[in-house]
């Protein structure tokens, strides 16, 4: 069958490498993939198209005010032209692109629910109802972690739990530490990922000001929050977004890795990809008590939620038994993006054949 996978994505494909890029780049080995991103503000209207291997990315550039729909008729027309006479499967990452499914009414519909988007800051009020419609229409629903699965499993056998995985060999190589980390006094602890409303900035401040006073390296873009509210200390270092290929070198320079997530509605269902990346790099982990972390990995991490508890968790992580860190690495080695992408594609093919 002359298939093509058509994906509606609310992130930037060339942004922080997350679940969508890991999965779609691998599924592209089975079928061509066309990704349309959400509308990008610009001075003129046009669709920017680029190709990465078997993945074609459409970025709709629009001279529009903030809050415009994530997808429009012109972008959909571009996608339809790229699809041509092939048999599409539509894969959505957000209910706010449900119009893409409407444009291909005979296509099988997949929803990869990687986050509880309605819990994020600035979520549109209609998102909950649109997700209800998407869940009802979807032929296959993937969830990015146990918490998301528990909230949707009542929909029946079309719902699958596929937690995020890791490129183990990349992170386990232990390259030379990044120069920034080499220059800093020990201990050096760090976080890798998006810095947004999910980060408890009070914990970062408390750790920086504690008697431990580690150098804290925050690797990643600052998104949806005012940078001015972030703790500014001589021992807190913000790098901005770094290339994915450089992340193992930062981890090689960390004495402990951090997941300082706030305990709020935006983190209730998260299943951080970075957990297994930290494990694979053989770096001990200090975290807050995120359900999808302490549930499956509670004996492999140190957890604390309030400022003093989090500082204590970091201290315990710095003193962690190397044997525990080695067990965590073994856990990560068994959770491969390659195997997960293959299984998800097989589920889609089986669902398509059953229709």
Protein backbone atom coordinates (compact mmCIF):
# COMPACT_ATOMS: atom_id res chain seq x y z
CA UNK A 1 0.00 0.00 0.00
CA UNK A 2 1.28 3.49 -0.91
CA UNK A 3 1.01 4.97 2.58
CA UNK A 4 2.10 8.33 3.97
CA UNK A 5 1.95 9.50 7.58
CA UNK A 6 0.58 13.04 8.01
CA UNK A 7 1.44 14.58 11.40
CA UNK A 8 0.05 17.65 13.14
CA UNK A 9 2.69 18.93 15.57
CA UNK A 10 2.41 21.77 18.10
CA UNK A 11 6.20 21.89 18.57
CA UNK A 12 9.07 22.85 16.28
CA UNK A 13 10.57 19.82 14.59
CA UNK A 14 13.99 21.47 14.70
CA UNK A 15 13.54 22.48 18.36
CA UNK A 16 14.36 20.51 21.50
CA UNK A 17 14.56 16.86 20.47
CA UNK A 18 11.65 15.17 22.20
CA UNK A 19 9.29 12.24 21.77
CA UNK A 20 7.87 13.30 18.36
CA UNK A 21 11.25 13.63 16.68
CA UNK A 22 12.50 10.34 18.12
CA UNK A 23 9.42 8.43 16.99
CA UNK A 24 8.73 10.05 13.63
CA UNK A 25 12.33 9.86 12.41
CA UNK A 26 12.23 6.11 13.06
CA UNK A 27 8.75 5.47 11.65
CA UNK A 28 9.98 7.22 8.51
CA UNK A 29 11.92 4.02 7.81
CA UNK A 30 8.55 2.36 7.17
CA UNK A 31 6.64 5.12 5.39
CA UNK A 32 7.16 8.72 4.27
CA UNK A 33 6.25 11.27 6.96
CA UNK A 34 4.84 14.76 6.39
CA UNK A 35 4.87 17.00 9.48
CA UNK A 36 2.95 20.27 9.62
CA UNK A 37 3.93 22.48 12.53
CA UNK A 38 1.69 25.03 14.16
CA UNK A 39 1.54 28.47 12.51
CA UNK A 40 4.72 30.53 12.92
CA UNK A 41 4.43 34.36 13.08
CA UNK A 42 5.97 36.10 10.07
CA UNK A 43 5.70 39.28 8.01
CA UNK A 44 4.25 37.48 5.00
CA UNK A 45 2.14 34.41 4.35
CA UNK A 46 3.91 31.41 2.90
CA UNK A 47 4.62 27.76 3.69
CA UNK A 48 8.24 26.86 4.29
CA UNK A 49 9.05 23.26 3.32
CA UNK A 50 12.22 21.35 4.15
CA UNK A 51 13.17 17.69 3.93
CA UNK A 52 15.14 15.62 6.43
CA UNK A 53 15.59 12.11 5.07
CA UNK A 54 12.12 10.60 4.66
CA UNK A 55 10.49 13.36 6.75
CA UNK A 56 9.05 16.46 5.08
CA UNK A 57 8.39 19.40 7.42
CA UNK A 58 5.89 22.13 6.56
CA UNK A 59 6.15 25.34 8.58
CA UNK A 60 3.24 27.71 7.87
CA UNK A 61 4.48 31.30 8.12
CA UNK A 62 1.61 33.73 8.69
CA UNK A 63 1.22 37.44 9.33
CA UNK A 64 -1.30 36.89 12.11
CA UNK A 65 -1.94 38.02 15.65
CA UNK A 66 -1.09 35.89 18.65
CA UNK A 67 -3.81 33.32 19.38
CA UNK A 68 -4.61 32.49 15.75
CA UNK A 69 -5.52 28.83 15.02
CA UNK A 70 -2.61 26.40 14.97
CA UNK A 71 -3.50 25.25 11.47
CA UNK A 72 -5.34 26.87 8.57
CA UNK A 73 -6.77 26.04 5.17
CA UNK A 74 -3.66 27.18 3.30
CA UNK A 75 -1.40 24.90 5.36
CA UNK A 76 -3.77 22.00 4.89
CA UNK A 77 -3.80 22.63 1.14
CA UNK A 78 0.00 22.41 1.10
CA UNK A 79 -0.15 19.10 2.94
CA UNK A 80 -2.81 17.73 0.59
CA UNK A 81 -0.62 18.59 -2.38
CA UNK A 82 2.33 16.78 -0.78
CA UNK A 83 0.18 13.72 -0.03
CA UNK A 84 -1.04 13.49 -3.62
CA UNK A 85 -2.71 10.17 -4.42
CA UNK A 86 -1.12 8.29 -1.53
CA UNK A 87 -3.09 6.69 1.29
CA UNK A 88 -2.70 8.93 4.37
CA UNK A 89 -2.68 8.05 8.03
CA UNK A 90 -3.21 11.14 10.21
CA UNK A 91 -1.24 11.39 13.47
CA UNK A 92 -1.99 14.28 15.84
CA UNK A 93 -0.06 15.59 18.82
CA UNK A 94 -2.68 18.17 19.73
CA UNK A 95 -6.47 18.34 19.50
CA UNK A 96 -6.06 21.91 18.28
CA UNK A 97 -5.12 20.50 14.87
CA UNK A 98 -8.22 18.35 14.49
CA UNK A 99 -8.90 20.13 11.19
CA UNK A 100 -6.08 18.08 9.70
CA UNK A 101 -8.09 14.93 10.37
CA UNK A 102 -11.18 16.60 8.88
CA UNK A 103 -9.21 17.17 5.67
CA UNK A 104 -8.63 13.41 5.29
CA UNK A 105 -11.93 11.93 6.51
CA UNK A 106 -11.20 8.40 5.25
CA UNK A 107 -7.75 8.24 6.85
CA UNK A 108 -6.97 6.25 9.96
CA UNK A 109 -6.50 8.60 12.90
CA UNK A 110 -3.78 8.32 15.57
CA UNK A 111 -3.44 10.49 18.67
CA UNK A 112 -0.10 10.41 20.48
CA UNK A 113 -0.94 11.98 23.82
CA UNK A 114 2.47 12.97 25.15
CA UNK A 115 1.27 15.64 27.61
CA UNK A 116 -1.84 16.80 29.41
CA UNK A 117 -1.95 19.93 27.26
CA UNK A 118 -5.05 21.37 28.95
CA UNK A 119 -3.04 21.69 32.19
CA UNK A 120 -0.38 23.95 30.65
CA UNK A 121 -0.36 27.70 31.03
CA UNK A 122 -2.23 29.59 28.28
CA UNK A 123 -4.08 26.46 27.12
CA UNK A 124 -7.12 27.45 25.01
CA UNK A 125 -10.42 26.89 26.83
CA UNK A 126 -11.80 24.73 24.01
CA UNK A 127 -8.93 22.24 24.23
CA UNK A 128 -10.71 19.87 26.63
CA UNK A 129 -13.76 19.51 24.38
CA UNK A 130 -11.61 19.10 21.28
CA UNK A 131 -9.61 16.38 22.99
CA UNK A 132 -12.85 14.59 23.89
CA UNK A 133 -13.78 14.64 20.20
CA UNK A 134 -10.32 13.48 19.14
CA UNK A 135 -10.29 10.60 21.62
CA UNK A 136 -13.70 9.47 20.38
CA UNK A 137 -12.66 9.59 16.73
CA UNK A 138 -9.14 8.18 16.99
CA UNK A 139 -8.52 4.63 15.82
CA UNK A 140 -5.36 4.41 17.96
CA UNK A 141 -4.42 6.39 21.07
CA UNK A 142 -0.87 6.29 22.40
CA UNK A 143 -0.01 7.72 25.80
CA UNK A 144 3.42 8.91 26.83
CA UNK A 145 3.38 7.49 30.34
CA UNK A 146 1.44 5.50 32.96
CA UNK A 147 -0.43 8.49 34.37
CA UNK A 148 -1.73 9.56 30.98
CA UNK A 149 -2.69 5.95 30.26
CA UNK A 150 -4.64 5.57 33.51
CA UNK A 151 -6.63 8.70 32.66
CA UNK A 152 -7.63 7.32 29.22
CA UNK A 153 -7.65 3.53 29.45
CA UNK A 154 -11.46 3.46 29.83
CA UNK A 155 -11.60 4.07 26.08
CA UNK A 156 -10.70 0.42 25.63
CA UNK A 157 -8.13 -1.60 23.68
CA UNK A 158 -7.35 1.19 21.23
CA UNK A 159 -5.36 2.91 24.01
CA UNK A 160 -1.70 1.90 24.43
CA UNK A 161 0.90 3.02 26.96
CA UNK A 162 4.28 3.75 25.40
CA UNK A 163 6.48 5.71 27.81
CA UNK A 164 9.30 7.73 26.36
CA UNK A 165 12.59 5.90 25.84
CA UNK A 166 16.26 6.69 25.28
CA UNK A 167 19.03 6.50 22.70
CA UNK A 168 21.13 4.51 25.11
CA UNK A 169 24.35 4.26 23.14
CA UNK A 170 24.47 8.04 22.60
CA UNK A 171 24.18 8.88 26.29
CA UNK A 172 26.19 5.93 27.63
CA UNK A 173 29.34 6.85 25.68
CA UNK A 174 30.50 9.33 28.33
CA UNK A 175 32.29 11.81 26.06
CA UNK A 176 34.70 14.38 27.51
CA UNK A 177 32.78 16.79 29.76
CA UNK A 178 31.57 20.02 28.20
CA UNK A 179 34.12 22.82 28.77
CA UNK A 180 31.62 24.85 30.78
CA UNK A 181 31.31 22.09 33.35
CA UNK A 182 35.07 21.55 33.53
CA UNK A 183 35.66 25.17 34.50
CA UNK A 184 33.28 25.07 37.47
CA UNK A 185 34.09 24.18 41.06
CA UNK A 186 32.65 20.93 42.34
CA UNK A 187 30.02 19.75 42.88
CA UNK A 188 28.35 20.50 39.56
CA UNK A 189 24.70 19.54 39.22
CA UNK A 190 22.45 20.20 36.28
CA UNK A 191 19.15 20.04 34.48
CA UNK A 192 18.64 19.40 30.77
CA UNK A 193 15.33 20.32 29.15
CA UNK A 194 12.83 23.09 28.58
CA UNK A 195 12.69 25.69 31.35
CA UNK A 196 9.02 26.65 31.68
CA UNK A 197 6.14 26.70 34.16
CA UNK A 198 6.87 23.11 35.11
CA UNK A 199 10.15 24.06 36.81
CA UNK A 200 10.03 24.98 40.50
CA UNK A 201 12.36 27.97 40.44
CA UNK A 202 12.17 28.20 44.22
CA UNK A 203 13.96 24.86 44.47
CA UNK A 204 16.75 26.12 42.22
CA UNK A 205 17.17 29.22 44.39
CA UNK A 206 17.14 27.16 47.59
CA UNK A 207 19.75 24.75 46.23
CA UNK A 208 21.98 27.60 45.05
CA UNK A 209 21.77 29.30 48.45
CA UNK A 210 22.19 26.13 50.52
CA UNK A 211 25.30 25.19 52.47
CA UNK A 212 26.06 22.73 49.66
CA UNK A 213 26.20 25.68 47.21
CA UNK A 214 26.77 23.57 44.08
CA UNK A 215 27.28 25.03 40.66
CA UNK A 216 23.93 24.54 38.92
CA UNK A 217 23.87 24.30 35.12
CA UNK A 218 20.44 24.73 33.47
CA UNK A 219 20.68 23.51 29.87
CA UNK A 220 17.72 24.38 27.68
CA UNK A 221 15.52 27.12 26.28
CA UNK A 222 13.43 29.39 28.51
CA UNK A 223 9.83 29.14 27.28
CA UNK A 224 6.53 30.78 28.32
CA UNK A 225 7.98 32.35 31.46
CA UNK A 226 9.69 35.69 32.03
CA UNK A 227 13.46 35.07 32.29
CA UNK A 228 13.57 37.84 34.88
CA UNK A 229 11.89 35.59 37.46
CA UNK A 230 14.64 32.97 37.28
CA UNK A 231 17.14 32.81 40.15
CA UNK A 232 20.27 34.80 39.35
CA UNK A 233 23.26 33.65 41.34
CA UNK A 234 26.96 33.36 40.57
CA UNK A 235 26.57 29.59 40.91
CA UNK A 236 23.54 29.27 38.60
CA UNK A 237 24.34 29.07 34.89
CA UNK A 238 21.79 29.21 32.03
CA UNK A 239 23.12 27.96 28.70
CA UNK A 240 20.07 28.39 26.48
CA UNK A 241 19.14 25.69 24.00
CA UNK A 242 22.00 23.38 23.06
CA UNK A 243 22.24 20.93 20.18
CA UNK A 244 21.04 17.45 21.05
CA UNK A 245 24.45 16.06 20.14
CA UNK A 246 26.05 18.10 22.96
CA UNK A 247 23.79 16.89 25.76
CA UNK A 248 25.89 13.81 26.67
CA UNK A 249 28.93 16.07 27.18
CA UNK A 250 27.00 18.16 29.68
CA UNK A 251 25.85 15.05 31.53
CA UNK A 252 29.44 13.80 31.58
CA UNK A 253 30.31 16.95 33.53
CA UNK A 254 27.48 16.63 36.10
CA UNK A 255 28.00 15.06 39.50
CA UNK A 256 24.21 14.75 39.80
CA UNK A 257 21.31 15.44 37.44
CA UNK A 258 18.22 17.38 38.47
CA UNK A 259 14.50 17.16 37.80
CA UNK A 260 13.24 20.13 39.87
CA UNK A 261 9.65 19.92 38.68
CA UNK A 262 6.96 21.87 40.44
CA UNK A 263 4.08 19.91 41.91
CA UNK A 264 1.23 21.54 39.99
CA UNK A 265 -1.39 20.72 37.39
CA UNK A 266 1.11 20.98 34.53
CA UNK A 267 3.29 18.20 36.00
CA UNK A 268 0.60 15.83 37.25
CA UNK A 269 0.82 13.61 34.17
CA UNK A 270 4.37 14.19 32.92
CA UNK A 271 6.70 11.31 32.14
CA UNK A 272 10.05 13.03 31.57
CA UNK A 273 12.17 11.73 28.71
CA UNK A 274 15.25 12.97 30.53
CA UNK A 275 14.89 10.35 33.30
CA UNK A 276 16.28 7.57 31.12
CA UNK A 277 18.82 9.87 29.48
CA UNK A 278 20.22 10.66 32.93
CA UNK A 279 20.24 6.95 33.79
CA UNK A 280 21.99 6.01 30.55
CA UNK A 281 24.69 8.58 31.22
CA UNK A 282 25.28 6.98 34.64
CA UNK A 283 24.53 10.20 36.53
CA UNK A 284 22.69 9.95 39.87
CA UNK A 285 19.33 11.73 39.88
CA UNK A 286 17.62 14.09 42.31
CA UNK A 287 13.96 14.79 41.57
CA UNK A 288 10.69 15.91 43.00
CA UNK A 289 8.11 13.17 43.52
CA UNK A 290 6.72 13.05 39.98
CA UNK A 291 4.40 10.02 39.81
CA UNK A 292 5.82 8.61 36.56
CA UNK A 293 9.34 8.88 38.00
CA UNK A 294 9.05 7.69 41.59
CA UNK A 295 6.50 5.02 40.62
CA UNK A 296 8.69 2.92 38.33
CA UNK A 297 12.09 4.23 39.45
CA UNK A 298 11.69 5.13 43.12
CA UNK A 299 14.59 2.96 44.22
CA UNK A 300 16.90 4.52 41.61
CA UNK A 301 16.41 8.23 42.37
CA UNK A 302 16.45 10.56 45.37
CA UNK A 303 13.30 12.63 45.84
CA UNK A 304 12.28 15.72 47.79
CA UNK A 305 9.57 18.30 47.18
CA UNK A 306 10.07 21.30 49.47
CA UNK A 307 13.29 23.35 49.45
CA UNK A 308 14.99 21.54 52.33
CA UNK A 309 13.81 18.15 51.04
CA UNK A 310 15.10 18.83 47.55
CA UNK A 311 18.47 20.00 48.84
CA UNK A 312 18.68 16.78 50.89
CA UNK A 313 17.78 14.76 47.78
CA UNK A 314 20.65 16.38 45.89
CA UNK A 315 23.02 15.62 48.75
CA UNK A 316 21.93 11.98 48.74
CA UNK A 317 22.31 11.77 44.97
CA UNK A 318 25.84 13.13 45.18
CA UNK A 319 26.65 10.37 47.67
CA UNK A 320 24.75 7.65 45.80
CA UNK A 321 26.09 4.12 45.67
CA UNK A 322 27.68 3.55 42.23
CA UNK A 323 25.96 0.16 42.15
CA UNK A 324 22.58 1.91 42.15
CA UNK A 325 23.67 4.15 39.30
CA UNK A 326 24.77 1.07 37.39
CA UNK A 327 21.35 -0.56 37.94
CA UNK A 328 19.70 2.56 36.57
CA UNK A 329 21.86 2.36 33.44
CA UNK A 330 20.78 -1.24 32.90
CA UNK A 331 17.15 -0.16 33.26
CA UNK A 332 17.67 2.48 30.59
CA UNK A 333 19.42 0.08 28.21
CA UNK A 334 16.28 -2.03 28.01
CA UNK A 335 14.07 0.89 26.87
CA UNK A 336 14.91 1.69 23.29
CA UNK A 337 13.30 4.24 20.96
CA UNK A 338 13.95 1.81 18.10
CA UNK A 339 11.86 -0.98 19.63
CA UNK A 340 9.12 1.40 20.79
CA UNK A 341 8.75 3.08 17.39
CA UNK A 342 8.59 -0.36 15.74
CA UNK A 343 5.87 -1.53 18.13
CA UNK A 344 3.83 1.65 17.70
CA UNK A 345 4.00 1.36 13.91
CA UNK A 346 2.87 -2.27 14.13
CA UNK A 347 -0.11 -1.20 16.25
CA UNK A 348 -1.06 1.38 13.63
CA UNK A 349 -0.78 -1.14 10.77
CA UNK A 350 -2.89 -3.66 12.71
CA UNK A 351 -5.55 -1.06 13.44
CA UNK A 352 -5.64 -0.02 9.78
CA UNK A 353 -6.03 -3.62 8.67
CA UNK A 354 -8.93 -4.12 11.08
CA UNK A 355 -10.98 -1.26 9.66
